[in-house]
Amino acid sequence: MEERTRTFKFKTNIDCVPCIQQIRSVFDDSPGIDYWYVEPFGEEPELTVSSQELDAHSIIEMVHNAGYEARRI
């Protein structure tokens, strides 16, 4: 059975270029991440992540381990 890509959205505190560069090193090195994007502008920055392998909890854990916060929306 073919796995389906799921897309998750999170509110986060990843809100600056150095923050995005730091999370890039985490996500770009993770084979479970198919696509990710941070929208750092607005009241609360948003993180979008697509994955066939990972669930929302695993992604939140990766963000927390990198020193940032994420909560699913």
PDB file of N, CA and C in Angstrom:
ATOM      1  N   MET A   1       0.831  -1.172   0.000  1.00  0.00           N
ATOM      2  CA  MET A   1       0.000   0.000   0.000  1.00  0.00           C
ATOM      3  C   MET A   1       0.885   1.248   0.000  1.00  0.00           C
ATOM      4  N   GLU A   2       0.568   2.195  -0.850  1.00  0.00           N
ATOM      5  CA  GLU A   2       1.356   3.415  -0.970  1.00  0.00           C
ATOM      6  C   GLU A   2       1.017   4.388   0.157  1.00  0.00           C
ATOM      7  N   GLU A   3       2.065   4.945   0.776  1.00  0.00           N
ATOM      8  CA  GLU A   3       1.847   5.921   1.842  1.00  0.00           C
ATOM      9  C   GLU A   3       1.434   7.256   1.246  1.00  0.00           C
ATOM     10  N   ARG A   4       0.589   7.959   1.968  1.00  0.00           N
ATOM     11  CA  ARG A   4       0.101   9.253   1.523  1.00  0.00           C
ATOM     12  C   ARG A   4       0.832  10.366   2.252  1.00  0.00           C
ATOM     13  N   THR A   5       1.202  11.393   1.539  1.00  0.00           N
ATOM     14  CA  THR A   5       1.845  12.542   2.159  1.00  0.00           C
ATOM     15  C   THR A   5       0.803  13.330   2.930  1.00  0.00           C
ATOM     16  N   ARG A   6       1.138  13.667   4.162  1.00  0.00           N
ATOM     17  CA  ARG A   6       0.259  14.482   5.004  1.00  0.00           C
ATOM     18  C   ARG A   6       0.946  15.810   5.248  1.00  0.00           C
ATOM     19  N   THR A   7       0.158  16.865   5.289  1.00  0.00           N
ATOM     20  CA  THR A   7       0.675  18.202   5.541  1.00  0.00           C
ATOM     21  C   THR A   7       0.145  18.694   6.873  1.00  0.00           C
ATOM     22  N   PHE A   8       1.068  19.183   7.707  1.00  0.00           N
ATOM     23  CA  PHE A   8       0.732  19.673   9.048  1.00  0.00           C
ATOM     24  C   PHE A   8       1.076  21.147   9.137  1.00  0.00           C
ATOM     25  N   LYS A   9       0.275  21.895   9.877  1.00  0.00           N
ATOM     26  CA  LYS A   9       0.540  23.318  10.119  1.00  0.00           C
ATOM     27  C   LYS A   9       0.668  23.537  11.621  1.00  0.00           C
ATOM     28  N   PHE A  10       1.623  24.394  11.970  1.00  0.00           N
ATOM     29  CA  PHE A  10       1.901  24.681  13.372  1.00  0.00           C
ATOM     30  C   PHE A  10       2.093  26.178  13.569  1.00  0.00           C
ATOM     31  N   LYS A  11       1.702  26.676  14.725  1.00  0.00           N
ATOM     32  CA  LYS A  11       2.126  27.996  15.186  1.00  0.00           C
ATOM     33  C   LYS A  11       3.477  27.767  15.836  1.00  0.00           C
ATOM     34  N   THR A  12       4.396  28.715  15.670  1.00  0.00           N
ATOM     35  CA  THR A  12       5.753  28.512  16.158  1.00  0.00           C
ATOM     36  C   THR A  12       6.394  29.834  16.560  1.00  0.00           C
ATOM     37  N   ASN A  13       7.551  29.758  17.182  1.00  0.00           N
ATOM     38  CA  ASN A  13       8.331  30.957  17.497  1.00  0.00           C
ATOM     39  C   ASN A  13       9.580  31.055  16.608  1.00  0.00           C
ATOM     40  N   ILE A  14       9.571  30.369  15.490  1.00  0.00           N
ATOM     41  CA  ILE A  14      10.643  30.460  14.494  1.00  0.00           C
ATOM     42  C   ILE A  14      10.347  31.710  13.678  1.00  0.00           C
ATOM     43  N   ASP A  15      11.001  32.828  14.038  1.00  0.00           N
ATOM     44  CA  ASP A  15      10.568  34.106  13.484  1.00  0.00           C
ATOM     45  C   ASP A  15      11.692  34.993  12.948  1.00  0.00           C
ATOM     46  N   CYS A  16      12.848  34.416  12.675  1.00  0.00           N
ATOM     47  CA  CYS A  16      13.948  35.229  12.155  1.00  0.00           C
ATOM     48  C   CYS A  16      14.815  34.361  11.243  1.00  0.00           C
ATOM     49  N   VAL A  17      15.650  35.009  10.457  1.00  0.00           N
ATOM     50  CA  VAL A  17      16.497  34.280   9.504  1.00  0.00           C
ATOM     51  C   VAL A  17      17.405  33.271  10.209  1.00  0.00           C
ATOM     52  N   PRO A  18      18.124  33.648  11.302  1.00  0.00           N
ATOM     53  CA  PRO A  18      18.947  32.643  11.979  1.00  0.00           C
ATOM     54  C   PRO A  18      18.122  31.466  12.517  1.00  0.00           C
ATOM     55  N   CYS A  19      16.893  31.743  12.963  1.00  0.00           N
ATOM     56  CA  CYS A  19      16.015  30.664  13.449  1.00  0.00           C
ATOM     57  C   CYS A  19      15.683  29.705  12.309  1.00  0.00           C
ATOM     58  N   ILE A  20      15.342  30.275  11.162  1.00  0.00           N
ATOM     59  CA  ILE A  20      15.001  29.452  10.002  1.00  0.00           C
ATOM     60  C   ILE A  20      16.216  28.645   9.554  1.00  0.00           C
ATOM     61  N   GLN A  21      17.394  29.256   9.580  1.00  0.00           N
ATOM     62  CA  GLN A  21      18.611  28.524   9.200  1.00  0.00           C
ATOM     63  C   GLN A  21      18.873  27.363  10.160  1.00  0.00           C
ATOM     64  N   GLN A  22      18.601  27.569  11.436  1.00  0.00           N
ATOM     65  CA  GLN A  22      18.819  26.499  12.406  1.00  0.00           C
ATOM     66  C   GLN A  22      17.840  25.354  12.182  1.00  0.00           C
ATOM     67  N   ILE A  23      16.564  25.682  11.959  1.00  0.00           N
ATOM     68  CA  ILE A  23      15.592  24.613  11.745  1.00  0.00           C
ATOM     69  C   ILE A  23      15.812  23.940  10.392  1.00  0.00           C
ATOM     70  N   ARG A  24      16.363  24.697   9.426  1.00  0.00           N
ATOM     71  CA  ARG A  24      16.696  24.116   8.114  1.00  0.00           C
ATOM     72  C   ARG A  24      17.681  22.962   8.290  1.00  0.00           C
ATOM     73  N   SER A  25      18.683  23.149   9.151  1.00  0.00           N
ATOM     74  CA  SER A  25      19.671  22.084   9.345  1.00  0.00           C
ATOM     75  C   SER A  25      19.024  20.830   9.930  1.00  0.00           C
ATOM     76  N   VAL A  26      17.981  21.005  10.711  1.00  0.00           N
ATOM     77  CA  VAL A  26      17.267  19.851  11.284  1.00  0.00           C
ATOM     78  C   VAL A  26      16.399  19.184  10.220  1.00  0.00           C
ATOM     79  N   PHE A  27      15.567  19.978   9.546  1.00  0.00           N
ATOM     80  CA  PHE A  27      14.615  19.409   8.595  1.00  0.00           C
ATOM     81  C   PHE A  27      15.276  18.907   7.318  1.00  0.00           C
ATOM     82  N   ASP A  28      16.271  19.624   6.812  1.00  0.00           N
ATOM     83  CA  ASP A  28      16.926  19.196   5.576  1.00  0.00           C
ATOM     84  C   ASP A  28      17.689  17.890   5.757  1.00  0.00           C
ATOM     85  N   ASP A  29      18.117  17.602   6.977  1.00  0.00           N
ATOM     86  CA  ASP A  29      18.848  16.360   7.256  1.00  0.00           C
ATOM     87  C   ASP A  29      17.935  15.207   7.647  1.00  0.00           C
ATOM     88  N   SER A  30      16.629  15.452   7.698  1.00  0.00           N
ATOM     89  CA  SER A  30      15.688  14.412   8.100  1.00  0.00           C
ATOM     90  C   SER A  30      15.068  13.754   6.870  1.00  0.00           C
ATOM     91  N   PRO A  31      15.293  12.462   6.692  1.00  0.00           N
ATOM     92  CA  PRO A  31      14.715  11.792   5.526  1.00  0.00           C
ATOM     93  C   PRO A  31      13.188  11.708   5.586  1.00  0.00           C
ATOM     94  N   GLY A  32      12.592  11.928   6.747  1.00  0.00           N
ATOM     95  CA  GLY A  32      11.140  11.845   6.889  1.00  0.00           C
ATOM     96  C   GLY A  32      10.402  13.094   6.456  1.00  0.00           C
ATOM     97  N   ILE A  33      11.122  14.182   6.187  1.00  0.00           N
ATOM     98  CA  ILE A  33      10.497  15.444   5.798  1.00  0.00           C
ATOM     99  C   ILE A  33      10.527  15.567   4.273  1.00  0.00           C
ATOM    100  N   ASP A  34       9.357  15.693   3.664  1.00  0.00           N
ATOM    101  CA  ASP A  34       9.273  15.858   2.210  1.00  0.00           C
ATOM    102  C   ASP A  34       9.342  17.334   1.818  1.00  0.00           C
ATOM    103  N   TYR A  35       8.737  18.193   2.620  1.00  0.00           N
ATOM    104  CA  TYR A  35       8.667  19.626   2.327  1.00  0.00           C
ATOM    105  C   TYR A  35       8.435  20.356   3.639  1.00  0.00           C
ATOM    106  N   TRP A  36       9.026  21.543   3.766  1.00  0.00           N
ATOM    107  CA  TRP A  36       8.745  22.386   4.929  1.00  0.00           C
ATOM    108  C   TRP A  36       8.896  23.843   4.537  1.00  0.00           C
ATOM    109  N   TYR A  37       8.202  24.686   5.266  1.00  0.00           N
ATOM    110  CA  TYR A  37       8.233  26.116   4.997  1.00  0.00           C
ATOM    111  C   TYR A  37       7.857  26.870   6.264  1.00  0.00           C
ATOM    112  N   VAL A  38       8.569  27.947   6.549  1.00  0.00           N
ATOM    113  CA  VAL A  38       8.226  28.825   7.671  1.00  0.00           C
ATOM    114  C   VAL A  38       7.769  30.158   7.107  1.00  0.00           C
ATOM    115  N   GLU A  39       6.598  30.607   7.541  1.00  0.00           N
ATOM    116  CA  GLU A  39       6.115  31.956   7.237  1.00  0.00           C
ATOM    117  C   GLU A  39       6.362  32.767   8.504  1.00  0.00           C
ATOM    118  N   PRO A  40       7.477  33.539   8.534  1.00  0.00           N
ATOM    119  CA  PRO A  40       7.885  34.191   9.779  1.00  0.00           C
ATOM    120  C   PRO A  40       7.143  35.486  10.094  1.00  0.00           C
ATOM    121  N   PHE A  41       6.336  35.962   9.164  1.00  0.00           N
ATOM    122  CA  PHE A  41       5.672  37.252   9.368  1.00  0.00           C
ATOM    123  C   PHE A  41       4.251  37.056   9.884  1.00  0.00           C
ATOM    124  N   GLY A  42       3.708  38.106  10.466  1.00  0.00           N
ATOM    125  CA  GLY A  42       2.366  38.035  11.023  1.00  0.00           C
ATOM    126  C   GLY A  42       2.428  37.992  12.535  1.00  0.00           C
ATOM    127  N   GLU A  43       1.261  37.874  13.143  1.00  0.00           N
ATOM    128  CA  GLU A  43       1.198  37.843  14.609  1.00  0.00           C
ATOM    129  C   GLU A  43       1.968  36.669  15.191  1.00  0.00           C
ATOM    130  N   GLU A  44       1.725  35.497  14.626  1.00  0.00           N
ATOM    131  CA  GLU A  44       2.446  34.301  15.045  1.00  0.00           C
ATOM    132  C   GLU A  44       2.963  33.591  13.797  1.00  0.00           C
ATOM    133  N   PRO A  45       4.259  33.325  13.744  1.00  0.00           N
ATOM    134  CA  PRO A  45       4.811  32.608  12.593  1.00  0.00           C
ATOM    135  C   PRO A  45       4.161  31.228  12.451  1.00  0.00           C
ATOM    136  N   GLU A  46       4.095  30.750  11.207  1.00  0.00           N
ATOM    137  CA  GLU A  46       3.532  29.429  10.934  1.00  0.00           C
ATOM    138  C   GLU A  46       4.564  28.546  10.250  1.00  0.00           C
ATOM    139  N   LEU A  47       4.559  27.300  10.643  1.00  0.00           N
ATOM    140  CA  LEU A  47       5.416  26.272  10.068  1.00  0.00           C
ATOM    141  C   LEU A  47       4.521  25.262   9.353  1.00  0.00           C
ATOM    142  N   THR A  48       4.847  24.962   8.115  1.00  0.00           N
ATOM    143  CA  THR A  48       4.139  23.937   7.347  1.00  0.00           C
ATOM    144  C   THR A  48       5.129  22.823   7.047  1.00  0.00           C
ATOM    145  N   VAL A  49       4.722  21.588   7.311  1.00  0.00           N
ATOM    146  CA  VAL A  49       5.587  20.432   7.066  1.00  0.00           C
ATOM    147  C   VAL A  49       4.769  19.339   6.389  1.00  0.00           C
ATOM    148  N   SER A  50       5.322  18.769   5.319  1.00  0.00           N
ATOM    149  CA  SER A  50       4.710  17.620   4.648  1.00  0.00           C
ATOM    150  C   SER A  50       5.610  16.408   4.834  1.00  0.00           C
ATOM    151  N   SER A  51       4.973  15.277   5.131  1.00  0.00           N
ATOM    152  CA  SER A  51       5.731  14.053   5.368  1.00  0.00           C
ATOM    153  C   SER A  51       4.856  12.834   5.096  1.00  0.00           C
ATOM    154  N   GLN A  52       5.464  11.807   4.569  1.00  0.00           N
ATOM    155  CA  GLN A  52       4.793  10.516   4.418  1.00  0.00           C
ATOM    156  C   GLN A  52       5.025   9.656   5.654  1.00  0.00           C
ATOM    157  N   GLU A  53       6.116   9.903   6.361  1.00  0.00           N
ATOM    158  CA  GLU A  53       6.539   9.015   7.438  1.00  0.00           C
ATOM    159  C   GLU A  53       6.237   9.521   8.843  1.00  0.00           C
ATOM    160  N   LEU A  54       6.297  10.843   9.027  1.00  0.00           N
ATOM    161  CA  LEU A  54       6.204  11.403  10.372  1.00  0.00           C
ATOM    162  C   LEU A  54       4.796  11.867  10.707  1.00  0.00           C
ATOM    163  N   ASP A  55       4.468  11.830  11.997  1.00  0.00           N
ATOM    164  CA  ASP A  55       3.199  12.382  12.457  1.00  0.00           C
ATOM    165  C   ASP A  55       3.464  13.734  13.114  1.00  0.00           C
ATOM    166  N   ALA A  56       2.400  14.439  13.482  1.00  0.00           N
ATOM    167  CA  ALA A  56       2.522  15.781  14.052  1.00  0.00           C
ATOM    168  C   ALA A  56       3.366  15.768  15.322  1.00  0.00           C
ATOM    169  N   HIS A  57       3.175  14.769  16.168  1.00  0.00           N
ATOM    170  CA  HIS A  57       3.929  14.691  17.427  1.00  0.00           C
ATOM    171  C   HIS A  57       5.433  14.592  17.159  1.00  0.00           C
ATOM    172  N   SER A  58       5.834  13.801  16.191  1.00  0.00           N
ATOM    173  CA  SER A  58       7.261  13.648  15.861  1.00  0.00           C
ATOM    174  C   SER A  58       7.855  14.955  15.360  1.00  0.00           C
ATOM    175  N   ILE A  59       7.082  15.683  14.561  1.00  0.00           N
ATOM    176  CA  ILE A  59       7.557  16.971  14.043  1.00  0.00           C
ATOM    177  C   ILE A  59       7.701  17.981  15.177  1.00  0.00           C
ATOM    178  N   ILE A  60       6.713  18.027  16.064  1.00  0.00           N
ATOM    179  CA  ILE A  60       6.785  18.927  17.224  1.00  0.00           C
ATOM    180  C   ILE A  60       8.011  18.604  18.061  1.00  0.00           C
ATOM    181  N   GLU A  61       8.283  17.335  18.244  1.00  0.00           N
ATOM    182  CA  GLU A  61       9.454  16.910  19.020  1.00  0.00           C
ATOM    183  C   GLU A  61      10.752  17.383  18.355  1.00  0.00           C
ATOM    184  N   MET A  62      10.828  17.295  17.034  1.00  0.00           N
ATOM    185  CA  MET A  62      12.015  17.759  16.311  1.00  0.00           C
ATOM    186  C   MET A  62      12.207  19.265  16.517  1.00  0.00           C
ATOM    187  N   VAL A  63      11.113  20.014  16.440  1.00  0.00           N
ATOM    188  CA  VAL A  63      11.174  21.464  16.632  1.00  0.00           C
ATOM    189  C   VAL A  63      11.617  21.782  18.057  1.00  0.00           C
ATOM    190  N   HIS A  64      11.040  21.094  19.037  1.00  0.00           N
ATOM    191  CA  HIS A  64      11.415  21.317  20.445  1.00  0.00           C
ATOM    192  C   HIS A  64      12.878  20.981  20.686  1.00  0.00           C
ATOM    193  N   ASN A  65      13.356  19.893  20.100  1.00  0.00           N
ATOM    194  CA  ASN A  65      14.765  19.506  20.264  1.00  0.00           C
ATOM    195  C   ASN A  65      15.717  20.528  19.649  1.00  0.00           C
ATOM    196  N   ALA A  66      15.226  21.283  18.682  1.00  0.00           N
ATOM    197  CA  ALA A  66      16.036  22.345  18.065  1.00  0.00           C
ATOM    198  C   ALA A  66      15.970  23.642  18.866  1.00  0.00           C
ATOM    199  N   GLY A  67      15.145  23.658  19.925  1.00  0.00           N
ATOM    200  CA  GLY A  67      15.072  24.824  20.794  1.00  0.00           C
ATOM    201  C   GLY A  67      13.924  25.774  20.501  1.00  0.00           C
ATOM    202  N   TYR A  68      12.947  25.314  19.731  1.00  0.00           N
ATOM    203  CA  TYR A  68      11.812  26.165  19.371  1.00  0.00           C
ATOM    204  C   TYR A  68      10.510  25.516  19.810  1.00  0.00           C
ATOM    205  N   GLU A  69       9.439  26.270  19.671  1.00  0.00           N
ATOM    206  CA  GLU A  69       8.115  25.797  20.055  1.00  0.00           C
ATOM    207  C   GLU A  69       7.267  25.582  18.808  1.00  0.00           C
ATOM    208  N   ALA A  70       6.346  24.642  18.886  1.00  0.00           N
ATOM    209  CA  ALA A  70       5.386  24.426  17.815  1.00  0.00           C
ATOM    210  C   ALA A  70       4.127  23.824  18.422  1.00  0.00           C
ATOM    211  N   ARG A  71       2.984  24.325  17.979  1.00  0.00           N
ATOM    212  CA  ARG A  71       1.717  23.717  18.373  1.00  0.00           C
ATOM    213  C   ARG A  71       0.847  23.612  17.132  1.00  0.00           C
ATOM    214  N   ARG A  72       0.233  22.470  16.981  1.00  0.00           N
ATOM    215  CA  ARG A  72      -0.533  22.186  15.766  1.00  0.00           C
ATOM    216  C   ARG A  72      -1.765  23.082  15.669  1.00  0.00           C
ATOM    217  N   ILE A  73      -2.041  23.526  14.455  1.00  0.00           N
ATOM    218  CA  ILE A  73      -3.253  24.314  14.203  1.00  0.00           C
ATOM    219  C   ILE A  73      -4.105  23.613  13.163  1.00  0.00           C
TER     220      ILE A  73
END
